[in-house]
Amino acid sequence: METVGIRELKENLSRYMKKVKFGERIIVTDRKKEIAVIMPLEKESKEEKIFQLIQCGMARWSGGKPRGMSSRIASRGKSVSKAVIEDRR
């Protein structure tokens, strides 16, 4: 973790925010005393995290529906694909 004083942070805020955007945490100091930590927000859903793991090769998916997933919602009437085809005519 990088440490930065308040004055330095104010003068180069954009540079430090880019670092935070890419996942780095920054400790803010006032007169060499740690007062805060700037870190990225954790807004990712579970699906996004899983997708990132698959993309970087740490996990793999061979298709199909994972166990434990909720069952499909049954719909009545035409399928969505048939409705789209009709709409295009």
Protein backbone atom coordinates (compact mmCIF):
# COMPACT_ATOMS: atom_id res chain seq x y z
CA MET A 1 0.00 0.00 0.00
CA GLU A 2 1.26 3.42 -0.94
CA THR A 3 1.38 6.21 1.65
CA VAL A 4 0.79 9.85 0.73
CA GLY A 5 0.52 13.09 2.66
CA ILE A 6 -2.53 15.34 2.39
CA ARG A 7 -0.70 18.08 0.47
CA GLU A 8 0.72 15.61 -2.07
CA LEU A 9 -2.69 14.01 -2.45
CA LYS A 10 -4.38 17.36 -3.11
CA GLU A 11 -1.76 18.35 -5.69
CA ASN A 12 -1.96 15.03 -7.58
CA LEU A 13 -5.46 13.80 -6.84
CA SER A 14 -6.16 12.59 -10.40
CA ARG A 15 -3.03 10.44 -10.44
CA TYR A 16 -3.90 8.81 -7.12
CA MET A 17 -7.54 8.26 -8.12
CA LYS A 18 -6.36 6.39 -11.23
CA LYS A 19 -4.32 4.10 -9.00
CA VAL A 20 -7.37 3.49 -6.79
CA LYS A 21 -9.49 2.84 -9.87
CA PHE A 22 -7.12 0.02 -10.81
CA GLY A 23 -7.42 -1.60 -7.39
CA GLU A 24 -4.62 -0.03 -5.35
CA ARG A 25 -5.20 1.16 -1.79
CA ILE A 26 -3.65 4.41 -0.60
CA ILE A 27 -2.96 5.44 3.01
CA VAL A 28 -3.39 9.17 3.66
CA THR A 29 -1.22 10.78 6.34
CA ASP A 30 -1.29 14.09 8.19
CA ARG A 31 2.08 15.02 9.68
CA LYS A 32 3.24 11.40 9.27
CA LYS A 33 0.23 10.06 11.17
CA GLU A 34 -2.08 7.70 9.25
CA ILE A 35 -5.58 9.14 9.11
CA ALA A 36 -7.40 7.43 6.23
CA VAL A 37 -7.34 4.78 3.56
CA ILE A 38 -8.60 5.36 0.03
CA MET A 39 -9.67 2.15 -1.66
CA PRO A 40 -11.91 1.09 -4.54
CA LEU A 41 -15.55 0.30 -3.90
CA GLU A 42 -16.56 -3.35 -4.08
CA LYS A 43 -19.62 -3.14 -6.32
CA GLU A 44 -19.09 -6.28 -8.36
CA SER A 45 -21.71 -8.95 -8.28
CA LYS A 46 -20.85 -12.60 -7.78
CA GLU A 47 -21.42 -13.24 -11.48
CA GLU A 48 -18.92 -10.53 -12.47
CA LYS A 49 -16.30 -11.93 -10.13
CA ILE A 50 -16.81 -15.43 -11.53
CA PHE A 51 -16.57 -14.11 -15.09
CA GLN A 52 -13.26 -12.39 -14.23
CA LEU A 53 -11.91 -15.65 -12.77
CA ILE A 54 -12.86 -17.47 -15.97
CA GLN A 55 -11.25 -14.77 -18.13
CA CYS A 56 -7.92 -14.86 -16.30
CA GLY A 57 -7.82 -18.66 -16.37
CA MET A 58 -8.25 -19.26 -12.65
CA ALA A 59 -11.59 -21.01 -13.20
CA ARG A 60 -13.34 -22.68 -16.09
CA TRP A 61 -16.87 -23.41 -17.14
CA SER A 62 -17.77 -26.25 -19.45
CA GLY A 63 -21.30 -25.05 -20.10
CA GLY A 64 -24.59 -26.09 -18.64
CA LYS A 65 -26.44 -24.82 -15.65
CA PRO A 66 -24.51 -24.87 -12.37
CA ARG A 67 -25.92 -26.93 -9.54
CA GLY A 68 -27.96 -24.97 -7.04
CA MET A 69 -29.26 -22.45 -9.57
CA SER A 70 -32.95 -21.66 -9.41
CA SER A 71 -35.15 -23.45 -11.87
CA ARG A 72 -36.24 -21.83 -15.12
CA ILE A 73 -39.38 -19.72 -15.12
CA ALA A 74 -42.07 -21.39 -17.17
CA SER A 75 -43.70 -19.08 -19.68
CA ARG A 76 -46.99 -19.52 -21.46
CA GLY A 77 -47.66 -18.69 -25.07
CA LYS A 78 -45.14 -18.08 -27.82
CA SER A 79 -41.44 -18.30 -27.24
CA VAL A 80 -39.44 -15.10 -27.25
CA SER A 81 -37.64 -16.08 -30.44
CA LYS A 82 -40.94 -16.62 -32.28
CA ALA A 83 -42.23 -13.26 -31.06
CA VAL A 84 -39.06 -11.54 -32.32
CA ILE A 85 -39.33 -13.23 -35.71
CA GLU A 86 -42.98 -12.15 -36.02
CA ASP A 87 -42.06 -8.61 -34.99
CA ARG A 88 -39.43 -8.40 -37.75
CA ARG A 89 -41.96 -9.22 -40.49
